[in-house]
Protein backbone atom coordinates (compact mmCIF):
# COMPACT_ATOMS: atom_id res chain seq x y z
CA MET A 1 4.28 -33.39 4.13
CA ASN A 2 2.15 -36.34 2.89
CA ASN A 3 -1.64 -36.37 2.49
CA SER A 4 -2.15 -38.46 5.66
CA THR A 5 -0.34 -35.89 7.83
CA LYS A 6 -2.28 -33.09 6.12
CA LYS A 7 -5.61 -34.80 6.87
CA THR A 8 -4.54 -35.40 10.50
CA LEU A 9 -3.67 -31.72 10.96
CA GLN A 10 -6.97 -30.68 9.37
CA ILE A 11 -8.92 -32.98 11.75
CA GLU A 12 -7.00 -31.57 14.74
CA TRP A 13 -7.74 -28.03 13.62
CA LEU A 14 -11.49 -28.84 13.21
CA LYS A 15 -11.53 -30.43 16.66
CA GLU A 16 -9.96 -27.31 18.15
CA ARG A 17 -12.63 -25.17 16.47
CA LYS A 18 -15.35 -27.51 17.72
CA GLN A 19 -13.94 -27.44 21.25
CA SER A 20 -13.91 -23.61 21.26
CA VAL A 21 -17.54 -23.53 20.07
CA GLU A 22 -18.52 -26.12 22.73
CA GLU A 23 -16.93 -23.92 25.41
CA GLU A 24 -18.98 -20.94 24.18
CA VAL A 25 -22.19 -23.05 24.20
CA ASP A 26 -21.44 -24.27 27.75
CA GLN A 27 -20.91 -20.69 28.89
CA LEU A 28 -24.27 -19.62 27.40
CA GLU A 29 -26.10 -22.59 28.92
CA GLN A 30 -24.55 -21.94 32.34
CA LYS A 31 -25.48 -18.25 32.16
CA TYR A 32 -29.00 -18.87 30.76
CA PRO A 33 -30.25 -22.22 32.07
CA GLU A 34 -33.71 -21.53 30.66
CA LEU A 35 -32.27 -22.32 27.22
CA LEU A 36 -32.22 -25.99 28.28
CA ASP A 37 -35.30 -25.92 30.65
CA PRO A 38 -38.07 -23.67 29.28
CA SER A 39 -40.43 -24.94 32.07
CA ASN A 40 -38.43 -22.84 34.54
CA THR A 41 -39.47 -19.71 32.62
CA GLN A 42 -43.12 -20.79 32.79
CA LYS A 43 -42.84 -21.33 36.58
CA ASN A 44 -41.34 -17.89 37.02
CA SER A 45 -44.15 -16.44 34.90
CA PHE A 46 -46.77 -18.24 37.04
CA LEU A 47 -45.20 -16.94 40.27
CA MET A 48 -45.07 -13.39 38.89
CA THR A 49 -48.73 -13.62 37.84
CA SER A 50 -49.73 -14.96 41.25
CA SER A 51 -47.84 -12.20 43.06
CA PHE A 52 -49.39 -9.55 40.82
CA SER A 53 -52.91 -10.98 41.46
CA ILE A 54 -52.32 -10.99 45.22
CA GLY A 55 -51.21 -7.36 45.07
CA ILE A 56 -54.36 -6.34 43.09
CA VAL A 57 -56.64 -8.19 45.55
CA ALA A 58 -54.89 -6.56 48.53
CA VAL A 59 -55.32 -3.07 47.01
CA ILE A 60 -59.02 -3.68 46.24
CA ALA A 61 -59.59 -5.08 49.77
CA GLY A 62 -58.00 -1.97 51.23
CA PHE A 63 -60.88 0.13 49.96
CA PHE A 64 -63.38 -1.93 52.00
CA LEU A 65 -61.39 -2.29 55.26
CA THR A 66 -61.13 0.16 58.12
CA MET A 67 -58.08 1.76 59.61
CA PRO A 68 -55.41 0.48 60.07
CA PHE A 69 -56.21 -2.72 58.08
CA ASN A 70 -56.79 -0.84 54.86
CA LEU A 71 -53.31 0.75 55.18
CA ILE A 72 -51.75 -2.68 55.70
CA ALA A 73 -53.60 -4.02 52.65
CA PHE A 74 -52.41 -1.08 50.53
CA ILE A 75 -48.77 -1.66 51.63
CA VAL A 76 -48.96 -5.40 50.85
CA GLY A 77 -50.48 -4.69 47.43
CA ILE A 78 -47.85 -2.09 46.61
CA ILE A 79 -45.02 -4.42 47.71
CA CYS A 80 -46.32 -7.31 45.57
CA ALA A 81 -46.75 -5.03 42.56
CA SER A 82 -43.25 -3.62 43.08
CA ILE A 83 -41.73 -7.10 43.29
CA VAL A 84 -43.49 -8.10 40.09
CA SER A 85 -42.37 -4.89 38.34
CA VAL A 86 -38.75 -5.29 39.47
CA LYS A 87 -38.61 -8.94 38.40
CA SER A 88 -40.28 -8.08 35.12
CA TYR A 89 -37.74 -5.30 34.57
CA ARG A 90 -34.75 -7.38 35.56
CA LYS A 91 -35.84 -10.49 33.74
CA ARG A 92 -37.58 -9.88 30.48
CA ASN A 93 -36.64 -13.37 29.38
CA PRO A 94 -33.08 -12.50 28.18
CA SER A 95 -32.79 -15.95 26.71
CA THR A 96 -34.90 -14.79 23.75
CA GLN A 97 -32.06 -12.44 22.77
CA VAL A 98 -29.31 -15.03 23.31
CA LYS A 99 -31.22 -17.97 21.84
CA PRO A 100 -30.42 -17.17 18.15
CA SER A 101 -26.69 -17.03 18.98
CA TRP A 102 -26.99 -20.27 20.97
CA GLN A 103 -28.78 -21.97 18.09
CA GLU A 104 -26.14 -20.69 15.67
CA LYS A 105 -23.41 -22.17 17.89
CA LEU A 106 -25.27 -25.51 17.96
CA LEU A 107 -25.48 -25.45 14.16
CA GLN A 108 -21.73 -24.75 14.04
CA LEU A 109 -21.14 -27.73 16.35
CA ASP A 110 -23.18 -29.95 14.03
CA SER A 111 -21.31 -28.61 11.01
CA HIS A 112 -17.91 -29.20 12.66
CA ALA A 113 -18.97 -32.70 13.73
CA GLU A 114 -20.02 -33.52 10.16
CA GLU A 115 -16.76 -32.17 8.76
CA ILE A 116 -14.73 -34.10 11.35
CA ALA A 117 -16.60 -37.31 10.55
CA LYS A 118 -16.12 -36.70 6.84
CA GLU A 119 -12.40 -35.98 7.23
CA GLU A 120 -11.91 -39.02 9.50
CA GLU A 121 -13.64 -41.17 6.88
CA ASN A 122 -11.33 -39.72 4.21
CA LEU A 123 -8.33 -40.35 6.50
CA LYS A 124 -9.37 -43.97 7.02
CA ARG A 125 -9.80 -44.42 3.27
CA LEU A 126 -6.38 -42.81 2.66
CA GLN A 127 -4.72 -45.01 5.29
CA GLN A 128 -6.35 -48.06 3.73
CA GLN A 129 -4.94 -47.02 0.33
CA ILE A 130 -1.49 -46.57 1.91
CA GLN A 131 -1.70 -50.03 3.47
CA GLU A 132 -2.66 -51.51 0.11
CA GLU A 133 0.26 -49.74 -1.58
CA GLU A 134 2.61 -50.92 1.17
CA GLY A 135 1.31 -54.47 0.65
CA LYS A 136 2.08 -54.23 -3.05
CA LEU A 137 5.56 -52.87 -2.29
CA THR A 138 6.06 -55.67 0.25
CA SER A 139 5.22 -58.27 -2.36
CA ILE A 140 7.62 -56.58 -4.78
CA PHE A 141 10.55 -56.25 -2.35
CA LYS A 142 9.81 -59.59 -0.63
CA ALA A 143 9.90 -57.97 2.80
CA THR A 144 7.40 -56.77 5.37
CA ASN A 145 9.10 -53.50 6.20
CA THR A 146 9.15 -51.57 2.91
CA THR A 147 10.40 -48.40 4.55
CA GLN A 148 13.47 -50.22 5.85
CA ASN A 149 14.02 -51.76 2.39
CA TRP A 150 13.87 -48.34 0.80
CA ARG A 151 16.40 -47.07 3.31
CA ASP A 152 18.65 -50.08 2.59
CA LEU A 153 18.33 -49.42 -1.13
CA VAL A 154 19.20 -45.75 -0.65
CA GLN A 155 22.17 -46.69 1.57
CA SER A 156 23.30 -49.28 -0.98
CA TYR A 157 22.97 -46.70 -3.75
CA ARG A 158 25.05 -44.20 -1.79
CA SER A 159 27.69 -46.89 -1.08
CA ASP A 160 27.80 -47.86 -4.77
CA GLN A 161 28.05 -44.21 -5.71
CA GLU A 162 31.03 -43.75 -3.35
CA LYS A 163 32.66 -46.88 -4.80
CA PHE A 164 32.05 -45.54 -8.29
CA GLU A 165 33.63 -42.21 -7.41
CA GLN A 166 36.59 -44.07 -5.83
CA ALA A 167 36.90 -46.22 -8.97
CA VAL A 168 36.85 -43.09 -11.15
CA SER A 169 39.56 -41.56 -8.99
CA ASN A 170 41.63 -44.78 -9.18
CA TYR A 171 41.06 -44.91 -12.92
CA ASN A 172 42.42 -41.39 -13.32
CA SER A 173 45.47 -42.30 -11.22
CA LEU A 174 46.04 -45.51 -13.18
CA GLN A 175 45.64 -43.57 -16.41
CA LYS A 176 48.45 -41.26 -15.35
CA GLN A 177 50.60 -44.26 -14.41
CA LEU A 178 49.82 -45.91 -17.76
CA THR A 179 50.87 -42.76 -19.58
CA ALA A 180 54.18 -42.73 -17.69
CA ILE A 181 54.73 -46.44 -18.42
CA GLN A 182 54.00 -45.91 -22.10
CA GLU A 183 56.56 -43.11 -22.19
CA GLN A 184 59.09 -45.41 -20.54
CA ARG A 185 58.22 -48.16 -23.00
CA GLU A 186 58.72 -45.85 -25.96
CA GLU A 187 62.07 -44.82 -24.52
CA LEU A 188 63.11 -48.48 -24.12
CA GLU A 189 61.97 -49.33 -27.64
CA SER A 190 64.04 -46.44 -28.96
CA ARG A 191 67.09 -48.03 -27.33
CA PHE A 192 66.57 -51.19 -29.42
CA GLN A 193 66.64 -49.32 -32.74
CA PHE A 194 70.39 -49.54 -33.26
CA LEU A 195 70.18 -53.37 -33.05
CA ALA A 196 67.63 -53.66 -35.85
CA GLU A 197 70.41 -54.34 -38.41
CA TRP A 198 71.71 -57.43 -36.49
CA VAL A 199 68.63 -58.73 -34.59
CA PRO A 200 65.13 -59.33 -36.10
CA LEU A 201 63.04 -57.07 -33.81
CA ALA A 202 60.19 -56.13 -36.16
CA ASN A 203 56.58 -56.94 -35.05
CA LYS A 204 57.72 -58.03 -31.57
CA ASP A 205 56.68 -56.79 -28.19
CA LEU A 206 59.10 -55.39 -25.66
CA GLN A 207 59.59 -58.66 -23.79
CA ALA A 208 60.29 -60.57 -27.00
CA LYS A 209 62.77 -57.89 -28.07
CA LYS A 210 64.52 -58.16 -24.70
CA GLU A 211 64.78 -61.92 -24.98
CA ALA A 212 66.05 -61.66 -28.57
CA VAL A 213 68.70 -59.14 -27.54
CA GLU A 214 69.78 -61.25 -24.56
CA GLU A 215 70.03 -64.30 -26.79
CA PHE A 216 72.03 -62.29 -29.32
CA ALA A 217 74.30 -60.99 -26.56
CA SER A 218 74.83 -64.51 -25.24
CA GLN A 219 75.73 -65.74 -28.72
CA MET A 220 78.09 -62.84 -29.26
CA GLN A 221 79.72 -63.53 -25.88
CA GLU A 222 80.20 -67.20 -26.72
CA THR A 223 81.62 -66.24 -30.09
CA LYS A 224 83.96 -63.79 -28.44
CA MET A 225 85.10 -66.30 -25.87
CA SER A 226 85.63 -68.95 -28.49
CA ARG A 227 87.61 -66.55 -30.60
CA LEU A 228 89.80 -65.39 -27.76
CA GLN A 229 90.26 -68.95 -26.49
CA GLN A 230 90.89 -67.66 -22.99
CA PRO A 231 92.00 -70.24 -20.52
CA SER A 232 89.99 -71.05 -17.40
CA THR A 233 92.68 -69.60 -15.13
CA LEU A 234 92.14 -66.15 -16.67
CA LEU A 235 88.42 -66.41 -15.97
CA ALA A 236 89.12 -67.47 -12.37
CA GLN A 237 91.37 -64.46 -11.89
CA GLN A 238 88.73 -62.12 -13.30
CA LEU A 239 86.10 -63.66 -11.03
CA LYS A 240 88.34 -63.28 -8.00
CA GLN A 241 89.07 -59.67 -8.98
CA HIS A 242 85.35 -58.93 -9.27
CA LYS A 243 84.69 -60.46 -5.86
CA GLU A 244 87.38 -58.31 -4.31
CA GLU A 245 85.95 -55.22 -5.94
CA ARG A 246 82.51 -56.17 -4.65
CA ASN A 247 83.84 -56.63 -1.11
CA ASN A 248 85.66 -53.33 -1.31
CA LEU A 249 82.50 -51.57 -2.44
CA PHE A 250 80.51 -53.24 0.35
CA ALA A 251 83.09 -52.16 2.93
CA GLU A 252 83.19 -48.63 1.50
CA TYR A 253 79.41 -48.11 1.50
CA SER A 254 78.54 -50.13 4.63
CA ALA A 255 77.82 -46.90 6.56
CA LEU A 256 75.35 -45.86 3.89
CA LEU A 257 73.61 -49.24 4.05
CA GLU A 258 73.38 -48.99 7.85
CA LYS A 259 71.89 -45.50 7.48
CA PHE A 260 68.96 -46.89 5.50
CA GLY A 261 68.64 -50.07 7.62
CA LEU A 262 70.10 -52.49 5.04
CA GLU A 263 72.40 -55.44 5.86
CA GLN A 264 73.17 -56.82 2.41
CA PRO A 265 73.37 -55.21 -1.04
CA THR A 266 70.80 -57.77 -2.17
CA GLU A 267 68.20 -55.90 -0.09
CA ILE A 268 68.59 -52.77 -2.22
CA PRO A 269 65.97 -53.79 -4.89
CA LEU A 270 63.37 -54.51 -2.17
CA TRP A 271 64.21 -51.20 -0.49
CA LEU A 272 63.82 -49.38 -3.81
CA LYS A 273 60.34 -50.90 -4.28
CA GLN A 274 59.32 -49.80 -0.78
CA TRP A 275 60.69 -46.34 -1.47
CA GLU A 276 58.69 -46.11 -4.70
CA LYS A 277 55.55 -47.16 -2.79
CA THR A 278 56.22 -44.51 -0.13
CA GLN A 279 56.75 -41.91 -2.85
CA LYS A 280 53.43 -42.81 -4.47
CA ASN A 281 51.66 -42.59 -1.09
CA PHE A 282 53.19 -39.17 -0.56
CA GLU A 283 52.02 -38.01 -4.01
CA ARG A 284 48.53 -39.37 -3.22
CA LYS A 285 48.60 -37.46 0.05
CA GLU A 286 49.45 -34.26 -1.82
CA GLU A 287 46.56 -34.87 -4.25
CA LEU A 288 44.09 -35.42 -1.39
CA ALA A 289 45.43 -32.35 0.38
CA ALA A 290 44.81 -30.26 -2.76
CA ILE A 291 41.25 -31.67 -3.01
CA LEU A 292 40.44 -31.08 0.69
CA GLN A 293 42.05 -27.62 0.86
CA PRO A 294 38.90 -25.73 -0.32
CA ILE A 295 36.74 -27.75 2.11
CA PHE A 296 39.08 -27.33 5.10
CA PRO A 297 41.10 -24.12 4.54
CA LYS A 298 42.50 -24.30 8.07
CA ASP A 299 44.50 -27.14 9.58
CA ILE A 300 42.22 -29.50 11.51
CA THR A 301 42.79 -32.68 13.48
CA TYR A 302 40.68 -35.82 13.32
CA THR A 303 39.18 -35.09 16.77
CA GLN A 304 38.29 -31.53 15.72
CA LEU A 305 36.75 -32.90 12.53
CA GLU A 306 34.57 -35.33 14.50
CA GLN A 307 33.49 -32.51 16.82
CA TYR A 308 32.75 -30.26 13.82
CA LEU A 309 30.67 -32.99 12.18
CA ALA A 310 28.77 -33.61 15.44
CA GLU A 311 27.96 -29.89 15.74
CA LYS A 312 26.81 -29.72 12.13
CA LYS A 313 24.66 -32.82 12.59
CA ALA A 314 23.03 -31.33 15.71
CA ARG A 315 22.50 -28.08 13.81
CA GLN A 316 20.98 -30.02 10.91
CA GLU A 317 18.58 -31.83 13.25
CA GLU A 318 17.62 -28.52 14.86
CA VAL A 319 16.99 -26.93 11.46
CA GLN A 320 15.01 -30.00 10.35
CA GLU A 321 12.83 -29.80 13.47
CA LYS A 322 12.27 -26.10 12.95
CA MET A 323 11.42 -26.72 9.29
CA ASN A 324 8.87 -29.34 10.32
CA GLN A 325 7.29 -26.88 12.75
CA LEU A 326 7.18 -24.23 10.05
CA LEU A 327 5.60 -26.71 7.63
CA GLU A 328 2.93 -27.55 10.19
CA GLU A 329 2.32 -23.86 10.81
CA LYS A 330 2.15 -23.30 7.06
CA GLN A 331 -0.37 -26.11 6.72
CA ARG A 332 -2.44 -24.66 9.55
CA LEU A 333 -2.41 -21.24 7.91
CA GLN A 334 -3.37 -22.79 4.57
CA LEU A 335 -6.33 -24.46 6.24
CA GLN A 336 -7.36 -21.15 7.77
CA VAL A 337 -7.03 -19.46 4.37
CA GLU A 338 -9.19 -22.18 2.80
CA ARG A 339 -11.77 -21.64 5.54
CA LEU A 340 -11.72 -17.88 4.93
CA GLN A 341 -12.09 -18.48 1.19
CA LYS A 342 -15.12 -20.66 1.77
CA ASN A 343 -17.00 -18.11 3.89
CA GLY A 344 -15.97 -15.18 1.65
CA THR A 345 -13.95 -13.30 4.31
CA LEU A 346 -10.68 -13.57 2.38
CA ASP A 347 -12.17 -12.04 -0.78
CA ALA A 348 -13.55 -9.17 1.25
CA LEU A 349 -10.12 -8.61 2.84
CA TYR A 350 -8.46 -8.71 -0.61
CA GLN A 351 -10.95 -6.11 -1.89
CA GLU A 352 -10.32 -3.92 1.15
CA GLU A 353 -6.56 -4.31 0.63
CA ASN A 354 -6.84 -3.29 -3.04
CA ARG A 355 -9.01 -0.33 -2.12
CA MET A 356 -6.58 0.85 0.54
CA LEU A 357 -3.61 0.35 -1.79
CA SER A 358 -5.41 2.43 -4.40
CA GLU A 359 -6.05 5.17 -1.83
CA ILE A 360 -2.42 5.01 -0.70
CA TYR A 361 -1.25 5.29 -4.32
CA GLU A 362 -3.50 8.28 -5.01
CA THR A 363 -2.50 9.95 -1.75
CA ALA A 364 1.19 9.34 -2.45
CA LEU A 365 0.78 10.71 -5.95
CA LYS A 366 -0.93 13.86 -4.61
CA TRP A 367 1.69 14.19 -1.89
CA SER A 368 4.53 13.87 -4.42
CA THR A 369 2.89 16.43 -6.69
CA ASN A 370 2.43 18.86 -3.80
CA GLN A 371 6.03 18.33 -2.67
CA LEU A 372 7.29 19.15 -6.15
CA LEU A 373 5.09 22.24 -6.26
CA ILE A 374 6.31 23.33 -2.82
CA ALA A 375 9.93 22.87 -3.84
CA PHE A 376 9.34 24.76 -7.10
CA LEU A 377 7.53 27.62 -5.37
CA ASN A 378 10.19 27.84 -2.65
CA ASP A 379 12.94 28.00 -5.27
CA LEU A 380 10.96 30.60 -7.20
CA ALA A 381 10.29 32.67 -4.07
CA THR A 382 13.96 32.47 -3.08
CA GLU A 383 15.09 33.55 -6.52
CA LEU A 384 12.59 36.42 -6.67
CA SER A 385 13.44 37.58 -3.15
CA GLU A 386 17.16 37.58 -3.93
CA GLN A 387 16.54 39.58 -7.10
CA GLN A 388 13.99 42.03 -5.66
CA LEU A 389 15.32 42.45 -2.11
CA PRO A 390 17.55 45.50 -2.85
CA GLN A 391 14.75 47.25 -4.72
CA LEU A 392 12.26 46.33 -1.97
CA LEU A 393 14.52 47.84 0.72
CA LYS A 394 15.02 50.96 -1.38
CA GLN A 395 11.26 51.49 -1.85
CA THR A 396 10.64 50.69 1.85
CA SER A 397 13.20 53.35 2.82
CA TYR A 398 11.39 55.90 0.62
CA TYR A 399 7.94 55.17 2.13
CA PHE A 400 9.32 54.98 5.68
CA ALA A 401 10.93 58.39 5.23
CA LEU A 402 7.54 59.80 4.13
CA LEU A 403 5.75 58.27 7.15
CA THR A 404 8.36 59.51 9.66
CA ASP A 405 8.66 62.95 8.06
CA GLN A 406 12.28 62.25 6.95
CA HIS A 407 13.38 61.27 10.49
CA TYR A 408 14.54 57.87 9.19
CA GLN A 409 16.16 57.96 5.74
CA LYS A 410 17.05 54.29 5.18
CA VAL A 411 15.95 50.71 5.97
CA THR A 412 18.58 47.93 5.86
CA LEU A 413 18.70 44.17 6.42
CA ASP A 414 21.69 42.91 8.40
CA ASN A 415 22.01 39.19 9.33
CA GLY A 416 18.28 38.67 8.92
CA LEU A 417 17.39 41.67 11.17
CA ILE A 418 15.76 44.90 9.88
CA HIS A 419 17.44 48.18 10.90
CA ALA A 420 16.10 51.74 10.63
CA VAL A 421 18.83 54.35 9.99
CA SER A 422 18.34 57.99 11.03
CA LYS A 423 20.71 60.90 10.56
CA ASP A 424 22.76 60.09 13.66
CA GLU A 425 21.91 56.54 14.79
CA ASP A 426 21.08 53.02 13.63
CA PHE A 427 18.19 51.23 15.40
CA ALA A 428 17.19 47.56 15.21
CA ILE A 429 13.49 46.95 14.75
CA TYR A 430 13.02 45.73 18.33
CA GLU A 431 14.51 49.04 19.60
CA LEU A 432 11.82 51.12 17.88
CA SER A 433 8.61 52.29 19.53
CA THR A 434 5.30 50.59 18.80
CA GLY A 435 4.09 53.38 16.53
CA THR A 436 7.35 53.50 14.60
CA LYS A 437 7.28 49.70 14.19
CA ASP A 438 3.77 50.01 12.78
CA GLN A 439 4.96 52.67 10.32
CA LEU A 440 7.91 50.45 9.27
CA ILE A 441 5.57 47.50 8.66
CA MET A 442 3.18 49.76 6.74
CA ALA A 443 6.05 51.05 4.58
CA THR A 444 7.21 47.45 3.87
CA ARG A 445 3.72 46.40 2.78
CA PHE A 446 3.29 49.33 0.44
CA ALA A 447 6.82 48.75 -0.96
CA TYR A 448 5.94 45.13 -1.72
CA LEU A 449 2.71 46.20 -3.43
CA PHE A 450 4.68 48.77 -5.41
CA MET A 451 6.96 45.94 -6.64
CA GLN A 452 3.88 44.08 -7.92
CA LYS A 453 2.40 47.04 -9.78
CA GLU A 454 2.90 45.39 -13.16
CA ARG A 455 0.67 42.48 -12.04
CA SER A 456 -1.98 44.33 -10.05
CA ILE A 457 -5.34 42.61 -10.28
CA SER A 458 -7.33 44.43 -7.59
CA PRO A 459 -7.34 47.77 -5.74
CA VAL A 460 -5.83 48.24 -2.27
CA ILE A 461 -8.58 48.51 0.39
CA ILE A 462 -7.79 49.92 3.87
CA ASP A 463 -10.41 49.93 6.64
CA ASP A 464 -9.43 52.32 9.46
CA GLY A 465 -5.80 51.21 9.60
CA TRP A 466 -4.69 54.42 11.42
CA LEU A 467 -6.97 54.65 14.47
CA HIS A 468 -4.07 54.81 16.95
CA TYR A 469 -2.10 57.36 14.85
CA ASP A 470 -1.67 60.94 16.02
CA SER A 471 -2.37 63.89 13.69
CA LYS A 472 1.16 64.09 12.30
CA ARG A 473 1.27 60.39 11.46
CA LYS A 474 -2.15 60.57 9.85
CA GLU A 475 -0.99 63.45 7.67
CA ASN A 476 2.14 61.53 6.64
CA LEU A 477 0.01 58.43 5.85
CA ALA A 478 -2.28 60.54 3.66
CA LYS A 479 0.81 61.87 1.90
CA LEU A 480 2.02 58.24 1.29
CA LEU A 481 -1.38 57.16 -0.01
CA SER A 482 -1.45 60.15 -2.37
CA ASP A 483 1.97 59.16 -3.75
CA PHE A 484 1.11 55.42 -3.87
CA GLY A 485 -2.19 56.15 -5.62
CA LYS A 486 -0.35 57.27 -8.74
CA ASN A 487 0.26 53.57 -9.61
CA TYR A 488 -2.48 51.80 -7.62
CA GLN A 489 -6.13 52.41 -6.94
CA VAL A 490 -6.48 52.85 -3.16
CA ILE A 491 -9.85 52.68 -1.36
CA CYS A 492 -9.90 53.82 2.28
CA LEU A 493 -13.00 53.09 4.40
CA SER A 494 -13.17 55.37 7.42
CA SER A 495 -15.36 57.59 9.56
CA ASP A 496 -12.38 59.70 10.68
CA GLN A 497 -13.16 63.31 9.73
CA GLU A 498 -9.54 64.36 10.19
CA MET A 499 -8.34 61.85 7.57
CA MET A 500 -11.02 63.09 5.16
CA ASN A 501 -9.61 66.62 5.48
CA TYR A 502 -6.11 65.35 4.78
CA TYR A 503 -7.38 63.49 1.69
CA ARG A 504 -9.02 66.65 0.39
CA SER A 505 -5.82 68.66 1.02
CA PHE A 506 -4.00 66.24 -1.29
CA ASN A 507 -6.76 66.48 -3.94
CA GLN A 508 -8.08 62.98 -3.31
CA SER A 509 -11.68 62.03 -4.02
CA VAL A 510 -13.90 61.57 -0.93
CA ILE A 511 -17.28 59.83 -1.22
CA LYS A 512 -19.80 59.76 1.62
CA PHE A 513 -22.29 56.89 2.16
């Protein structure tokens, strides 16, 4: 996106801001017309003063008039005063509260107008600079439409580049052909080596060697003929014999010539050249197929290729349009960010973001620490419970037997459910009575405390935890506390005289307050 487009977008954005502020100002002026006409407020004030004066005069006149005129005067005075009070209550000149906001909006309008004028001036200056640069480019390229010239130059460059790539490809192909020809030439030169003793072939090219050999062969043939002194009749016979052999060969291989579309044996060299050309075209086709295989892995026709290219071109245009929209949106957002940076809002938001990120980090750190502690404590509690559970059940069974006067001898844990075992039966905890459940819970608590006796840090304090017990259960509880007190200090707070007697029977200290 060039600077001219950027300036245009900035001016459009400022105009949108100005239009929104103008709409807000129009709404305020329509709602509070006294902002534009303060004389209307003065008229309303004069009318309210006049009405209030009339009401005061009517009330004063009522004191001097007789019935029923004084009553009428009082009513008129009260009505006028009420009207003035209601209007004064409803209309305490609200424009004085809205006026600062209205003035601020007007200042914003002026500020936007100044910025728009400034940006338009910058845009004009930038456009003038662009025109000057285009004029310079026009004088350089000797054309009025520099953009078109640039496009022609780019197109020419691309065409030259394609020709260069084609030339490189042709060069590589010719290089291969040259290598093959050189190999053939070396092979032909090797065939002339055996003639070096009879024919001067040194420092001659292939054509000169061929001519020298042909000349030598012609001389040798003449020498041979002169030596043999063959008569002309013998030569005529040999020529006739060769013609017959040629005709026989032609008749023998006529079907083969017809197969390849040949009429005379003299057409064979031309056919061989055409065949070589066809073979080269086929090899070129194979090379192009190998090059295009990665680009088009599947077989595709020319029509399908045109359709594929059209779809890709449409997709490219769609992506280009979307990219342009995104660039405009990006530019708009950048302008908004610049505006926020100018008025300090962006810095405040950055500070708030950093503060919140810091709080999130601290909270996450605390949360992670607490999660590790929870996991560690859970693992520790699980390990301790697995190690101490048999001993805990054993001690619970002992205390439960004391509380139930040996009615229940054992407490077990089966599939997560506590069972109380008597001499004859096995009861789940939900099958026990309320009092027996309370005794089982009491026995479990004291068993757990007994397990912690090595780490006791405070005495056990019980405040009337047996109020709903009968006499037998109270006696058994006193027996348990007497046994438990051998390892723990137990303090019982109670006003139950019966429990005090049980404590004394078990030689426990009783203190009265």
